[in-house]
Protein backbone atom coordinates (compact mmCIF):
# COMPACT_ATOMS: atom_id res chain seq x y z
CA MET A 1 113.76 203.66 246.83
CA PRO A 2 117.08 201.68 247.33
CA GLY A 3 115.64 200.14 250.51
CA LYS A 4 112.62 199.04 248.55
CA ILE A 5 114.68 197.58 245.64
CA GLN A 6 116.81 195.61 248.41
CA LYS A 7 113.56 194.24 249.87
CA ILE A 8 112.06 193.06 246.30
CA ALA A 9 115.48 191.52 245.49
CA ALA A 10 115.65 189.72 248.90
CA GLY A 11 112.14 188.53 248.28
CA LEU A 12 113.05 187.17 244.71
CA ILE A 13 115.92 185.52 246.13
CA SER A 14 113.75 183.75 248.82
CA CYS A 15 111.44 182.55 246.06
CA LEU A 16 114.28 181.41 243.90
CA LEU A 17 115.63 179.62 246.92
CA LEU A 18 112.27 177.86 247.76
CA ALA A 19 111.90 176.88 244.14
CA LEU A 20 115.39 175.35 244.14
CA LEU A 21 114.65 173.34 247.38
CA ALA A 22 111.55 172.16 246.12
CA PHE A 23 112.99 171.05 242.76
CA LEU A 24 115.47 169.23 244.79
CA SER A 25 113.25 167.64 247.02
CA PHE A 26 111.09 166.58 244.07
CA SER A 27 114.03 165.14 242.19
CA ARG A 28 115.27 163.15 245.22
CA ALA A 29 111.72 161.83 245.78
CA ARG A 30 111.37 160.89 242.30
CA THR A 31 114.82 159.02 242.58
CA PHE A 32 113.66 157.00 245.36
CA SER A 33 109.93 156.41 244.41
CA ASP A 34 111.10 152.97 243.76
CA PRO A 35 112.64 151.04 246.70
CA GLU A 36 114.97 149.26 244.32
CA THR A 37 116.48 152.76 243.53
CA LEU A 38 116.85 153.54 247.01
CA TRP A 39 118.78 150.46 247.83
CA ARG A 40 120.80 150.69 244.79
CA ASP A 41 121.81 154.42 245.58
CA THR A 42 122.72 153.30 249.09
CA LEU A 43 124.95 150.66 247.93
CA GLU A 44 126.66 152.62 245.35
CA LYS A 45 127.77 155.02 248.36
CA ASN A 46 128.35 152.22 250.70
CA PRO A 47 128.89 148.74 249.16
CA SER A 48 129.26 146.91 252.49
CA ALA A 49 125.70 148.10 253.70
CA TRP A 50 124.52 144.69 254.64
CA MET A 51 121.04 145.95 255.50
CA ALA A 52 120.61 147.30 251.99
CA HIS A 53 121.90 144.27 250.24
CA GLY A 54 119.21 142.36 252.19
CA ASN A 55 116.46 144.57 251.67
CA LEU A 56 117.40 144.76 247.85
CA ALA A 57 117.71 140.87 247.78
CA ARG A 58 114.20 140.39 249.26
CA LEU A 59 112.72 142.83 246.51
CA LEU A 60 114.37 141.24 243.75
CA ALA A 61 113.13 137.96 244.70
CA GLU A 62 109.71 139.08 245.06
CA ARG A 63 110.02 140.25 241.47
CA GLY A 64 111.34 136.89 240.23
CA ARG A 65 114.97 138.17 239.75
CA HIS A 66 116.53 135.28 241.60
CA ALA A 67 120.03 135.30 240.16
CA GLU A 68 120.41 139.11 241.31
CA ALA A 69 118.86 138.16 244.70
CA LEU A 70 121.19 135.65 245.24
CA THR A 71 124.12 137.86 244.71
CA HIS A 72 122.93 140.27 247.34
CA TYR A 73 122.03 137.45 249.98
CA ARG A 74 125.51 136.05 249.43
CA ALA A 75 126.74 139.64 250.04
CA VAL A 76 124.89 139.77 253.36
CA VAL A 77 126.51 136.53 254.47
CA GLY A 78 130.10 137.80 253.54
CA GLU A 79 129.28 140.84 255.45
CA ARG A 80 127.73 139.27 258.38
CA PRO A 81 128.94 135.53 258.47
CA LEU A 82 127.82 135.17 262.09
CA MET A 83 124.34 136.39 261.40
CA ALA A 84 122.05 133.27 261.52
CA ASP A 85 119.19 135.15 259.53
CA GLY A 86 121.54 135.91 256.71
CA HIS A 87 122.14 132.18 256.27
CA PHE A 88 118.65 131.37 256.52
CA ASN A 89 117.47 133.90 253.88
CA LEU A 90 120.29 132.69 251.66
CA GLY A 91 119.13 129.14 252.15
CA VAL A 92 115.36 129.79 251.40
CA GLU A 93 116.47 131.50 248.17
CA LEU A 94 118.69 128.72 247.11
CA PHE A 95 115.84 126.18 247.97
CA ALA A 96 113.32 128.11 245.87
CA THR A 97 115.74 128.07 242.93
CA GLY A 98 116.39 124.28 243.26
CA GLN A 99 119.86 124.34 244.78
CA GLY A 100 119.16 121.91 247.44
CA ALA A 101 122.62 121.08 248.50
CA GLU A 102 123.64 124.44 249.04
CA ALA A 103 120.50 125.44 250.71
CA GLU A 104 120.88 122.70 253.13
CA ALA A 105 124.39 123.79 254.04
CA GLU A 106 123.05 127.32 254.74
CA PHE A 107 119.99 126.21 256.85
CA ARG A 108 122.46 124.03 258.88
CA GLN A 109 125.06 126.94 259.25
CA ALA A 110 122.08 129.16 260.64
CA LEU A 111 121.33 126.35 263.13
CA ARG A 112 124.83 126.03 264.10
CA ILE A 113 124.89 129.95 264.95
CA ASP A 114 121.49 129.83 266.48
CA PRO A 115 120.17 126.46 267.20
CA LYS A 116 116.68 128.17 268.38
CA LEU A 117 116.14 129.64 264.98
CA SER A 118 113.03 127.19 264.32
CA VAL A 119 112.28 128.57 260.95
CA ALA A 120 115.63 127.08 259.75
CA SER A 121 114.60 123.69 261.23
CA GLN A 122 111.25 123.97 259.66
CA ALA A 123 112.67 124.95 256.08
CA LEU A 124 115.28 122.26 256.51
CA GLY A 125 112.72 119.65 257.32
CA PHE A 126 110.75 120.32 253.96
CA LEU A 127 113.96 120.32 252.11
CA LEU A 128 114.77 116.82 253.39
CA LEU A 129 111.36 115.79 252.98
CA GLN A 130 111.44 116.73 249.23
CA GLU A 131 114.67 114.59 248.94
CA GLY A 132 112.93 111.63 250.46
CA ARG A 133 115.09 111.82 253.65
CA ASP A 134 111.95 111.10 255.99
CA VAL A 135 113.59 110.28 258.97
CA GLU A 136 115.92 113.16 259.05
CA ALA A 137 113.01 115.50 258.13
CA LEU A 138 110.84 114.02 260.99
CA ASP A 139 113.86 114.89 263.48
CA ALA A 140 113.97 118.59 262.13
CA PHE A 141 110.27 118.92 262.60
CA ARG A 142 110.27 117.54 266.06
CA ARG A 143 112.94 120.27 266.85
CA VAL A 144 110.45 122.80 265.64
CA THR A 145 107.56 121.31 267.87
CA ALA A 146 109.89 121.36 270.70
CA GLN A 147 110.79 124.93 270.50
CA ASN A 148 107.27 126.02 269.43
CA PRO A 149 104.71 123.71 271.05
CA GLY A 150 101.74 126.01 270.30
CA ARG A 151 102.44 126.48 266.60
CA ALA A 152 100.94 124.35 263.84
CA GLU A 153 104.11 124.11 261.41
CA GLY A 154 106.02 121.53 263.28
CA ARG A 155 103.16 119.10 263.78
CA TYR A 156 102.18 119.60 260.13
CA GLY A 157 105.73 118.55 258.82
CA ALA A 158 105.83 116.07 261.08
CA GLY A 159 102.60 114.54 259.74
CA LEU A 160 103.81 114.85 256.34
CA ALA A 161 107.11 112.91 257.13
CA LEU A 162 105.14 110.09 258.96
CA LEU A 163 102.88 109.62 256.00
CA ALA A 164 105.99 109.36 253.87
CA MET A 165 107.13 106.54 256.16
CA ASN A 166 103.92 104.91 256.11
CA ARG A 167 103.00 105.52 259.69
CA PRO A 168 99.29 106.74 259.14
CA GLN A 169 98.31 106.38 262.70
CA ASP A 170 101.09 108.61 263.95
CA ALA A 171 100.58 110.95 260.94
CA ARG A 172 96.85 111.26 261.77
CA ARG A 173 97.53 112.26 265.43
CA GLU A 174 100.29 115.11 264.35
CA LEU A 175 97.91 116.37 261.67
CA SER A 176 95.01 116.36 263.88
CA LEU A 177 97.09 118.56 266.39
CA ALA A 178 98.05 120.72 263.44
CA ALA A 179 94.59 121.45 262.41
CA GLY A 180 93.57 122.61 265.96
CA LEU A 181 96.80 124.72 266.13
CA MET A 182 96.42 126.60 262.76
CA PRO A 183 95.39 130.19 263.18
CA ALA A 184 92.13 130.96 261.54
CA ASP A 185 93.67 133.86 259.62
CA ALA A 186 96.35 131.58 258.14
CA PRO A 187 96.22 131.36 254.24
CA ALA A 188 93.27 129.24 253.19
CA VAL A 189 95.26 126.83 251.11
CA ASP A 190 97.75 126.04 254.18
CA ARG A 191 94.69 125.15 256.32
CA ALA A 192 93.14 123.11 253.47
CA GLU A 193 96.46 121.22 253.11
CA ILE A 194 96.38 120.18 256.73
CA TYR A 195 92.82 118.49 256.22
CA LEU A 196 93.80 117.14 252.93
CA ASN A 197 96.81 115.14 254.51
CA LEU A 198 94.69 114.33 257.29
CA GLY A 199 92.20 112.64 255.04
CA LEU A 200 95.01 110.81 253.11
CA SER A 201 95.92 109.48 256.71
CA LEU A 202 92.63 108.36 257.33
CA GLU A 203 92.29 106.69 253.89
CA ARG A 204 95.24 104.52 254.61
CA LEU A 205 93.85 103.74 258.08
CA GLY A 206 90.59 102.29 255.92
CA LYS A 207 88.40 104.98 257.28
CA PRO A 208 86.85 106.37 254.08
CA GLY A 209 83.99 108.05 256.15
CA GLY A 210 86.54 110.00 258.14
CA ALA A 211 88.55 110.87 255.00
CA LEU A 212 85.50 112.09 253.29
CA ALA A 213 84.83 114.55 256.17
CA ALA A 214 88.49 115.91 256.28
CA TYR A 215 88.31 116.51 252.78
CA GLY A 216 84.88 118.21 253.06
CA ARG A 217 86.54 120.49 255.57
CA ALA A 218 89.49 121.15 253.36
CA ALA A 219 86.97 122.20 250.32
CA ALA A 220 85.09 124.32 252.64
CA VAL A 221 88.10 126.25 253.79
CA ALA A 222 89.41 126.73 250.35
CA PRO A 223 86.60 126.08 247.62
CA GLY A 224 88.83 127.35 244.91
CA TYR A 225 91.50 124.49 245.60
CA GLY A 226 90.83 121.33 243.52
CA ARG A 227 92.78 118.58 245.33
CA PRO A 228 90.23 118.01 248.23
CA PHE A 229 87.47 117.84 245.54
CA HIS A 230 89.58 115.32 243.46
CA ARG A 231 90.28 112.98 246.61
CA MET A 232 86.31 113.32 247.61
CA GLY A 233 85.56 112.30 243.93
CA LEU A 234 87.59 109.17 244.24
CA ILE A 235 86.13 107.91 247.52
CA LEU A 236 82.58 108.48 246.40
CA ALA A 237 83.35 106.66 243.14
CA ARG A 238 84.67 103.68 244.86
CA SER A 239 81.65 103.73 246.83
CA GLY A 240 79.26 103.78 243.91
CA ARG A 241 77.94 107.02 244.35
CA LEU A 242 78.65 108.41 240.82
CA PRO A 243 76.57 111.39 240.64
CA GLU A 244 78.30 112.96 243.60
CA ALA A 245 81.63 111.61 242.40
CA ARG A 246 81.14 113.41 239.23
CA GLU A 247 80.22 116.64 240.73
CA ALA A 248 83.21 116.45 242.94
CA LEU A 249 85.56 115.78 240.21
CA GLU A 250 83.90 118.37 237.82
CA ARG A 251 84.65 120.81 240.68
CA ALA A 252 88.43 119.40 240.85
CA VAL A 253 88.74 120.26 237.13
CA ALA A 254 86.93 123.74 237.50
CA ALA A 255 89.48 124.68 239.90
CA ASP A 256 92.80 123.28 238.10
CA PRO A 257 91.91 122.65 234.37
CA SER A 258 95.70 121.55 233.83
CA SER A 259 95.21 118.60 236.26
CA ALA A 260 95.56 115.29 234.03
CA ALA A 261 94.76 113.22 236.94
CA ALA A 262 91.44 114.94 237.54
CA ARG A 263 90.27 114.84 234.05
CA HIS A 264 91.16 111.23 233.82
CA ASP A 265 89.16 110.19 236.84
CA LEU A 266 86.31 112.30 235.80
CA GLY A 267 86.31 110.48 232.47
CA ILE A 268 86.22 107.17 234.12
CA VAL A 269 83.29 108.17 236.23
CA LEU A 270 81.47 109.61 233.17
CA PHE A 271 82.14 106.28 231.25
CA ARG A 272 80.82 104.42 234.42
CA GLN A 273 77.51 106.42 233.98
CA GLY A 274 77.26 105.60 230.37
CA ARG A 275 78.48 109.01 229.12
CA VAL A 276 80.97 107.52 226.65
CA GLU A 277 81.63 110.49 224.40
CA ASP A 278 82.08 112.98 227.36
CA ALA A 279 84.52 110.44 228.98
CA ALA A 280 86.56 110.30 225.83
CA ASP A 281 86.68 114.07 225.61
CA GLU A 282 88.00 114.19 229.25
CA LEU A 283 90.46 111.26 228.74
CA ALA A 284 91.58 112.80 225.64
CA GLU A 285 92.39 115.99 227.46
CA ALA A 286 94.23 114.17 230.25
CA VAL A 287 96.45 112.38 227.39
CA ARG A 288 96.96 116.02 225.85
CA LEU A 289 98.15 117.23 229.13
CA ALA A 290 100.26 114.00 230.22
CA PRO A 291 101.30 112.65 226.70
CA ASP A 292 103.61 109.99 228.52
CA TRP A 293 100.90 108.65 230.84
CA GLU A 294 100.17 105.19 229.50
CA GLU A 295 97.37 104.40 231.70
CA ALA A 296 95.49 107.23 230.34
CA ARG A 297 96.28 106.52 226.87
CA ARG A 298 94.98 102.82 227.51
CA HIS A 299 91.75 104.00 228.90
CA LEU A 300 91.09 106.30 226.19
CA ALA A 301 91.68 103.71 223.55
CA LEU A 302 89.22 101.32 225.48
CA VAL A 303 86.52 104.17 225.57
CA ARG A 304 86.87 105.07 221.99
CA LEU A 305 86.50 101.35 220.97
CA ARG A 306 83.35 101.33 223.32
CA ALA A 307 81.91 104.35 221.43
CA GLY A 308 82.54 102.76 218.06
CA GLY A 309 85.40 105.27 216.97
CA ASN A 310 89.08 104.94 216.10
CA PRO A 311 91.21 104.15 219.32
CA ASN A 312 94.15 105.95 218.16
CA PRO A 313 93.05 108.69 215.76
CA LYS A 314 95.89 111.17 214.36
CA PRO A 315 96.32 114.11 216.54
CA SER A 316 94.59 117.41 215.21
CA PRO A 317 97.17 120.15 214.50
CA ALA A 318 96.10 121.73 217.86
CA SER A 319 96.63 118.78 219.99
CA ALA A 320 99.87 118.01 218.02
CA SER A 321 101.36 121.27 219.18
CA ALA A 322 100.32 121.13 222.83
CA PRO A 323 102.95 120.51 225.32
């Protein structure tokens, strides 16, 4: 009998132990079901764990918590000051939050540590381009192409810099090469942007037919992207093909209803087609979206005069409160 009792007791203890282990495992899994909790737990135990800082920073940036992300990216650089990737990642976050001077310093530091880190040259190029430093940007993109001749990024950036420098023939060459190098599985808008800027270079070269074809390629690649349709509409309108221009501009507006420029240009085409009231509606919306755009205001007033209405009506409560 005692032996039987001992076996039962041992069985109960085993069951209790298994239940306790299961509970602890469940609690631990619940604690780390969110990666943020995992990385914070790691840092609480080891504040100098640079990899945990980096993973947490990336997660916070993806969630839009940029101030917290910057704190952890800075911690990575503090723990690993000679790691080029750390400076690059910090630079990307600084650039994304509008801190261009600090971002430039981090990109340049990354390149001092590792001159072959082409993504840092690429990011630096786009930063310089945004600041209007086109010659320096072109130099940065040339370095990207020298290190990665089979990739599109350097060619694309160089094309943008050359366009900004008003060198459309050179821009056309770079953008054509970029279009051929861009992988088919790249994001649709990225591919469309190459064709869009190729079209801009062709327009500047006085080749509207080639530009129209390039914009058509961009529209085919990313049919939900409005800018190619907008540019197509402008070329078609200039050549007198108003029904096609209207259709293209309507697609531009459908893709991006907040584009004041697309609505303005659609209004002008509608006016040229004799659809004065529809034109006034589109121009009024353009003015609502861009209240400081004097040209749009002037065109709206002229269209309203033609329609026999008040060129400067008082805004309705809805339009008065619109941004």
